[in-house]
Amino acid sequence: MTRVRGGTGATTGPPIEKAQAPSHRGSPLRRIRADRVLLLIAVPGLVYFLVFHYGALFGNALAFMNYVPFLGIPGSEWVGLAHFERMLTDPEFWNAVRNTLTIAVLQLVFFFPAPLALALLLHSIVGDTVRKFVQSVVYLPHFLSWVIVLALFQQMLGGAGVVNGWLSDLGAGSISIIGNPDAYGPLVVAQLVWKECGWATIIFLAALSQVDEQQYEAAAIDGASWGRRLWHVTLPAIRPVIVLLLVLRLGEFLSIGFEQFFLQRQSVGPETGEVLETFVYVTAFAGGDFGYAAAVGLFKGVIGIVLIYTANKVAHRLGEQGVYKA
């Protein structure tokens, strides 16, 4: 029994034990049994990465040999660093590097900020119905193949396209965009923005949904304008996501795509349309030089590793987490 002291309400008696939270510790076998459904779901993805990503790393051995498909790796001749020495004096390789760097810079400057700007615009829409409708519209181009996207651009900007038809009706003549080497860089970036900008907003919209609305209300009470709230509340709140995506994008700086450029390569010529992805494909499957193509691919991968490591270090210096903690 408990005893009450005076009017203080204090009680005495045996100590009451606090409820203990259930322990999740157990043997590894027990945990595997408990999570067996999740593990089975993860198996296809794990197999995919093991076979097509980690397993494919053994193919880098082709970069050091004159690979002959009929002889295989054991029967092909090892040539050491001969393919890398050839790259240093190959004008076609450096032309592909130059074109790749030009388009990669254009993509980084114009495409990377576009999804962020679109996400901020969608986030500012008040009505849920209007927002969902706009999101559905801007997501749709992502599911179209590059063949369809390029056909649409041909119908709009080609020599007999809609734009030139309007200009001809106005007596202003025609403009050459499709197949024009001078317009090729801006054209491919515009195609990428139209196709992928909406889909790339998903991560930014998810980050914006986590911003505390009370911060906006407090800033508005203090008299902050829309621009001030954007600069001092919104962008600092999603800065870790922006830095993370920027680091990942720099890691793929030289991987600007294949199908989009391969389909337009002949329209502007290899001098302008050849990038590293198409150069590797043409060298390997059209020229049969698999060893040299593997060396170019390995070069591109090493540069990507250096870029993502450097960008991650810079992110740490700026106080952000980056992709991983060293």
Protein backbone atom coordinates (compact mmCIF):
# COMPACT_ATOMS: atom_id res chain seq x y z
CA MET A 1 0.00 0.00 0.00
CA THR A 2 1.00 3.58 -0.53
CA ARG A 3 0.86 6.20 2.20
CA VAL A 4 -0.16 9.80 1.58
CA ARG A 5 1.82 12.49 3.42
CA GLY A 6 -0.22 15.45 4.53
CA GLY A 7 -1.64 17.46 1.70
CA THR A 8 1.32 17.42 -0.55
CA GLY A 9 0.08 14.50 -2.55
CA ALA A 10 3.41 12.70 -2.20
CA THR A 11 3.21 8.93 -2.02
CA THR A 12 5.54 6.25 -0.84
CA GLY A 13 5.68 2.63 -1.77
CA PRO A 14 7.59 0.22 -3.89
CA PRO A 15 9.38 1.85 -6.84
CA ILE A 16 7.53 1.73 -10.11
CA GLU A 17 9.63 0.30 -12.92
CA LYS A 18 9.66 2.22 -16.18
CA ALA A 19 8.40 0.47 -19.24
CA GLN A 20 11.26 -0.83 -21.32
CA ALA A 21 11.17 -0.32 -25.08
CA PRO A 22 11.21 -3.58 -26.96
CA SER A 23 14.67 -4.50 -28.09
CA HIS A 24 15.25 -5.01 -31.79
CA ARG A 25 18.50 -6.80 -31.23
CA GLY A 26 18.72 -10.44 -32.11
CA SER A 27 20.69 -12.98 -34.02
CA PRO A 28 21.44 -12.20 -37.69
CA LEU A 29 19.37 -15.19 -38.75
CA ARG A 30 16.36 -13.88 -36.82
CA ARG A 31 16.70 -10.46 -38.39
CA ILE A 32 16.97 -11.98 -41.87
CA ARG A 33 13.79 -13.92 -41.24
CA ALA A 34 12.01 -10.80 -40.05
CA ASP A 35 13.12 -8.77 -43.09
CA ARG A 36 12.93 -11.55 -45.66
CA VAL A 37 10.27 -9.77 -47.75
CA LEU A 38 12.33 -6.60 -48.04
CA LEU A 39 15.45 -8.60 -48.85
CA LEU A 40 13.65 -10.49 -51.61
CA ILE A 41 12.47 -7.20 -53.10
CA ALA A 42 16.06 -5.92 -53.12
CA VAL A 43 17.48 -9.02 -54.83
CA PRO A 44 16.69 -7.98 -58.48
CA GLY A 45 18.31 -4.59 -57.99
CA LEU A 46 21.32 -6.14 -56.30
CA VAL A 47 21.77 -8.63 -59.14
CA TYR A 48 21.48 -5.82 -61.69
CA PHE A 49 24.27 -3.79 -60.10
CA LEU A 50 26.49 -6.82 -59.54
CA VAL A 51 26.21 -8.01 -63.14
CA PHE A 52 25.96 -4.83 -65.21
CA HIS A 53 28.01 -2.42 -63.06
CA TYR A 54 30.50 -4.23 -60.84
CA GLY A 55 30.84 -7.29 -63.05
CA ALA A 56 31.35 -5.10 -66.10
CA LEU A 57 34.44 -3.57 -64.47
CA PHE A 58 36.41 -6.64 -65.54
CA GLY A 59 35.84 -5.50 -69.13
CA ASN A 60 38.29 -2.64 -68.51
CA ALA A 61 41.02 -5.20 -69.23
CA LEU A 62 40.21 -4.66 -72.92
CA ALA A 63 41.81 -1.21 -72.66
CA PHE A 64 45.22 -2.88 -72.34
CA MET A 65 44.99 -5.36 -75.21
CA ASN A 66 44.16 -5.68 -78.89
CA TYR A 67 40.92 -7.47 -78.22
CA VAL A 68 39.62 -9.90 -80.83
CA PRO A 69 36.07 -11.19 -80.08
CA PHE A 70 36.77 -14.59 -81.64
CA LEU A 71 39.84 -15.11 -79.47
CA GLY A 72 38.43 -13.67 -76.25
CA ILE A 73 40.44 -12.10 -73.47
CA PRO A 74 42.80 -15.08 -72.93
CA GLY A 75 43.76 -15.24 -76.62
CA SER A 76 44.07 -11.50 -77.32
CA GLU A 77 47.39 -9.68 -77.35
CA TRP A 78 48.30 -7.49 -74.38
CA VAL A 79 49.65 -4.10 -75.49
CA GLY A 80 49.97 -2.27 -72.16
CA LEU A 81 49.45 1.49 -72.42
CA ALA A 82 49.62 1.65 -76.22
CA HIS A 83 45.96 2.69 -76.58
CA PHE A 84 46.38 5.53 -74.09
CA GLU A 85 49.45 6.76 -75.96
CA ARG A 86 47.39 6.69 -79.14
CA MET A 87 44.74 8.89 -77.51
CA LEU A 88 47.27 11.65 -76.94
CA THR A 89 47.87 12.03 -80.68
CA ASP A 90 44.42 11.17 -82.05
CA PRO A 91 42.70 14.32 -83.45
CA GLU A 92 39.31 12.57 -83.66
CA PHE A 93 39.47 11.73 -79.95
CA TRP A 94 40.28 15.32 -78.97
CA ASN A 95 37.53 16.58 -81.26
CA ALA A 96 35.08 14.36 -79.35
CA VAL A 97 36.48 15.64 -76.04
CA ARG A 98 36.07 19.24 -77.15
CA ASN A 99 32.47 18.71 -78.27
CA THR A 100 31.66 16.83 -75.07
CA LEU A 101 33.09 19.57 -72.85
CA THR A 102 31.22 22.28 -74.76
CA ILE A 103 27.85 20.55 -74.43
CA ALA A 104 28.54 19.52 -70.82
CA VAL A 105 29.19 23.13 -69.83
CA LEU A 106 26.00 24.25 -71.59
CA GLN A 107 24.03 21.54 -69.79
CA LEU A 108 25.50 22.53 -66.42
CA VAL A 109 24.75 26.23 -66.91
CA PHE A 110 21.31 26.01 -68.49
CA PHE A 111 19.84 22.59 -67.65
CA PHE A 112 20.89 22.10 -64.03
CA PRO A 113 19.14 25.25 -62.69
CA ALA A 114 16.03 24.74 -64.86
CA PRO A 115 14.42 21.99 -62.69
CA LEU A 116 15.06 24.08 -59.57
CA ALA A 117 13.37 27.12 -61.12
CA LEU A 118 10.42 24.99 -62.28
CA ALA A 119 10.12 23.38 -58.84
CA LEU A 120 10.02 26.80 -57.18
CA LEU A 121 7.32 27.86 -59.63
CA LEU A 122 5.24 24.74 -59.00
CA HIS A 123 5.71 25.09 -55.25
CA SER A 124 4.32 28.63 -55.39
CA ILE A 125 1.05 27.48 -57.02
CA VAL A 126 -1.64 27.58 -54.35
CA GLY A 127 -4.31 25.34 -55.85
CA ASP A 128 -3.61 21.62 -55.53
CA THR A 129 -5.66 20.82 -58.65
CA VAL A 130 -3.72 23.26 -60.82
CA ARG A 131 -0.40 22.08 -59.38
CA LYS A 132 -1.13 18.41 -60.04
CA PHE A 133 -2.27 19.17 -63.59
CA VAL A 134 0.88 21.19 -64.35
CA GLN A 135 3.09 18.50 -62.83
CA SER A 136 1.45 15.83 -64.98
CA VAL A 137 2.01 17.92 -68.11
CA VAL A 138 5.68 18.67 -67.42
CA TYR A 139 6.42 15.05 -66.42
CA LEU A 140 5.03 13.62 -69.66
CA PRO A 141 8.01 14.34 -72.02
CA HIS A 142 10.27 12.20 -69.85
CA PHE A 143 8.40 9.08 -70.98
CA LEU A 144 8.88 9.85 -74.68
CA SER A 145 11.79 8.25 -76.50
CA TRP A 146 14.46 10.41 -78.09
CA VAL A 147 13.25 9.31 -81.51
CA ILE A 148 9.86 10.91 -80.87
CA VAL A 149 11.38 14.01 -79.26
CA LEU A 150 13.70 14.63 -82.20
CA ALA A 151 10.84 14.05 -84.64
CA LEU A 152 8.79 16.71 -82.82
CA PHE A 153 11.68 19.18 -82.97
CA GLN A 154 12.11 18.40 -86.67
CA GLN A 155 8.45 19.17 -87.28
CA MET A 156 8.76 22.45 -85.40
CA LEU A 157 12.23 23.73 -86.35
CA GLY A 158 13.11 21.83 -89.53
CA GLY A 159 13.41 23.37 -92.96
CA ALA A 160 9.76 22.57 -93.70
CA GLY A 161 8.67 22.91 -90.07
CA VAL A 162 6.04 25.04 -88.44
CA VAL A 163 8.36 27.91 -87.49
CA ASN A 164 9.78 28.30 -90.99
CA GLY A 165 6.24 28.07 -92.38
CA TRP A 166 5.17 31.01 -90.24
CA LEU A 167 8.26 33.00 -91.20
CA SER A 168 7.61 32.33 -94.88
CA ASP A 169 4.01 33.52 -94.51
CA LEU A 170 5.30 36.72 -92.92
CA GLY A 171 7.84 37.19 -95.72
CA ALA A 172 10.79 36.96 -93.32
CA GLY A 173 12.49 34.00 -95.03
CA SER A 174 13.55 30.82 -93.25
CA ILE A 175 16.08 30.04 -90.57
CA SER A 176 18.34 27.01 -90.41
CA ILE A 177 18.32 25.34 -86.98
CA ILE A 178 18.10 21.58 -87.50
CA GLY A 179 21.35 20.48 -89.13
CA ASN A 180 23.10 23.80 -88.48
CA PRO A 181 26.46 23.13 -86.75
CA ASP A 182 26.47 26.61 -85.19
CA ALA A 183 23.11 26.00 -83.49
CA TYR A 184 23.79 22.40 -82.51
CA GLY A 185 24.93 23.06 -78.91
CA PRO A 186 21.97 25.25 -77.87
CA LEU A 187 19.61 22.94 -79.76
CA VAL A 188 20.59 19.75 -77.90
CA VAL A 189 20.41 21.57 -74.55
CA ALA A 190 16.93 22.88 -75.41
CA GLN A 191 15.87 19.35 -76.29
CA LEU A 192 17.18 18.06 -72.95
CA VAL A 193 15.43 20.83 -71.00
CA TRP A 194 12.11 20.16 -72.73
CA LYS A 195 12.32 16.39 -72.17
CA GLU A 196 13.82 16.05 -68.69
CA CYS A 197 13.25 19.32 -66.84
CA GLY A 198 9.85 18.34 -65.46
CA TRP A 199 10.99 14.92 -64.30
CA ALA A 200 14.08 16.37 -62.60
CA THR A 201 11.87 18.61 -60.42
CA ILE A 202 10.68 15.66 -58.32
CA ILE A 203 13.63 15.74 -55.91
CA PHE A 204 13.47 19.53 -55.55
CA LEU A 205 9.72 19.42 -54.90
CA ALA A 206 10.27 16.79 -52.22
CA ALA A 207 12.89 19.02 -50.58
CA LEU A 208 10.63 22.08 -50.78
CA SER A 209 7.79 20.19 -49.10
CA GLN A 210 9.98 19.84 -45.99
CA VAL A 211 10.51 23.59 -45.53
CA ASP A 212 8.77 24.85 -42.39
CA GLU A 213 5.85 27.11 -43.36
CA GLN A 214 6.25 29.04 -40.11
CA GLN A 215 9.52 30.43 -41.41
CA TYR A 216 7.70 31.92 -44.39
CA GLU A 217 5.04 33.39 -42.10
CA ALA A 218 7.65 34.88 -39.77
CA ALA A 219 9.56 36.38 -42.70
CA ALA A 220 6.35 37.82 -44.15
CA ILE A 221 5.44 39.38 -40.79
CA ASP A 222 8.88 40.98 -40.68
CA GLY A 223 8.14 42.56 -44.06
CA ALA A 224 10.34 40.33 -46.23
CA SER A 225 9.43 40.37 -49.91
CA TRP A 226 9.00 37.26 -52.04
CA GLY A 227 12.57 37.55 -53.25
CA ARG A 228 13.91 37.89 -49.71
CA ARG A 229 11.93 34.86 -48.53
CA LEU A 230 13.31 32.89 -51.48
CA TRP A 231 16.91 33.92 -50.80
CA HIS A 232 16.93 33.66 -47.00
CA VAL A 233 14.43 30.85 -46.31
CA THR A 234 13.84 28.60 -49.32
CA LEU A 235 17.30 28.27 -50.84
CA PRO A 236 19.16 27.75 -47.52
CA ALA A 237 16.64 25.06 -46.58
CA ILE A 238 17.21 23.04 -49.77
CA ARG A 239 20.91 23.87 -50.18
CA PRO A 240 22.07 20.36 -49.08
CA VAL A 241 19.95 18.80 -51.84
CA ILE A 242 21.27 21.27 -54.42
CA VAL A 243 24.89 20.55 -53.44
CA LEU A 244 24.29 16.78 -53.50
CA LEU A 245 22.78 16.86 -57.00
CA LEU A 246 25.54 19.18 -58.21
CA VAL A 247 28.22 16.78 -56.96
CA LEU A 248 26.49 13.87 -58.69
CA ARG A 249 26.15 15.90 -61.89
CA LEU A 250 29.84 16.77 -61.90
CA GLY A 251 30.63 13.06 -61.53
CA GLU A 252 28.78 12.50 -64.83
CA PHE A 253 30.19 15.63 -66.45
CA LEU A 254 31.52 13.75 -69.48
CA SER A 255 28.49 11.43 -69.69
CA ILE A 256 26.11 13.72 -71.53
CA GLY A 257 24.09 10.99 -73.24
CA PHE A 258 24.23 8.68 -76.21
CA GLU A 259 20.96 8.22 -78.08
CA GLN A 260 20.21 11.92 -78.48
CA PHE A 261 23.60 12.60 -80.07
CA PHE A 262 23.85 9.39 -82.05
CA LEU A 263 20.55 10.12 -83.81
CA GLN A 264 21.71 13.65 -84.80
CA ARG A 265 25.35 12.88 -85.49
CA GLN A 266 24.97 12.58 -89.25
CA SER A 267 22.82 15.71 -89.62
CA VAL A 268 25.65 18.02 -88.46
CA GLY A 269 28.63 15.77 -89.20
CA PRO A 270 31.14 14.11 -86.85
CA GLU A 271 33.16 17.33 -86.62
CA THR A 272 30.37 18.91 -84.56
CA GLY A 273 28.17 16.02 -83.46
CA GLU A 274 30.77 13.51 -82.24
CA VAL A 275 30.89 13.15 -78.45
CA LEU A 276 32.73 10.61 -76.31
CA GLU A 277 29.77 8.19 -76.08
CA THR A 278 29.27 8.09 -79.85
CA PHE A 279 33.03 7.99 -80.43
CA VAL A 280 33.32 4.86 -78.27
CA TYR A 281 30.39 3.21 -80.04
CA VAL A 282 31.59 4.01 -83.56
CA THR A 283 35.19 3.02 -82.76
CA ALA A 284 34.16 -0.33 -81.26
CA PHE A 285 31.31 -1.51 -83.46
CA ALA A 286 31.90 0.31 -86.74
CA GLY A 287 35.70 0.23 -86.65
CA GLY A 288 36.12 -3.03 -84.74
CA ASP A 289 38.76 -1.47 -82.48
CA PHE A 290 37.39 -2.69 -79.15
CA GLY A 291 40.62 -2.16 -77.21
CA TYR A 292 40.94 1.51 -78.15
CA ALA A 293 37.22 2.11 -77.45
CA ALA A 294 37.61 0.50 -74.01
CA ALA A 295 40.60 2.76 -73.30
CA VAL A 296 38.54 5.85 -74.14
CA GLY A 297 35.71 4.62 -71.91
CA LEU A 298 38.14 3.95 -69.05
CA PHE A 299 39.61 7.44 -69.49
CA LYS A 300 36.13 8.95 -69.21
CA GLY A 301 35.39 6.92 -66.09
CA VAL A 302 38.62 7.94 -64.35
CA ILE A 303 37.94 11.62 -65.07
CA GLY A 304 34.45 11.18 -63.61
CA ILE A 305 35.87 9.67 -60.40
CA VAL A 306 38.32 12.56 -60.03
CA LEU A 307 35.56 15.14 -60.58
CA ILE A 308 33.13 13.63 -58.08
CA TYR A 309 35.89 13.21 -55.47
CA THR A 310 36.98 16.83 -55.90
CA ALA A 311 33.41 18.16 -55.85
CA ASN A 312 32.66 16.13 -52.72
CA LYS A 313 35.72 17.59 -50.98
CA VAL A 314 34.61 21.11 -51.92
CA ALA A 315 31.14 20.35 -50.53
CA HIS A 316 32.72 19.30 -47.21
CA ARG A 317 34.73 22.53 -47.10
CA LEU A 318 31.45 24.47 -47.57
CA GLY A 319 29.91 22.65 -44.62
CA GLU A 320 27.69 20.28 -46.61
CA GLN A 321 27.53 16.51 -46.33
CA GLY A 322 28.02 15.79 -50.05
CA VAL A 323 27.69 12.26 -51.38
CA TYR A 324 29.77 10.51 -48.70
CA LYS A 325 31.89 11.31 -45.67
CA ALA A 326 35.58 10.66 -46.16
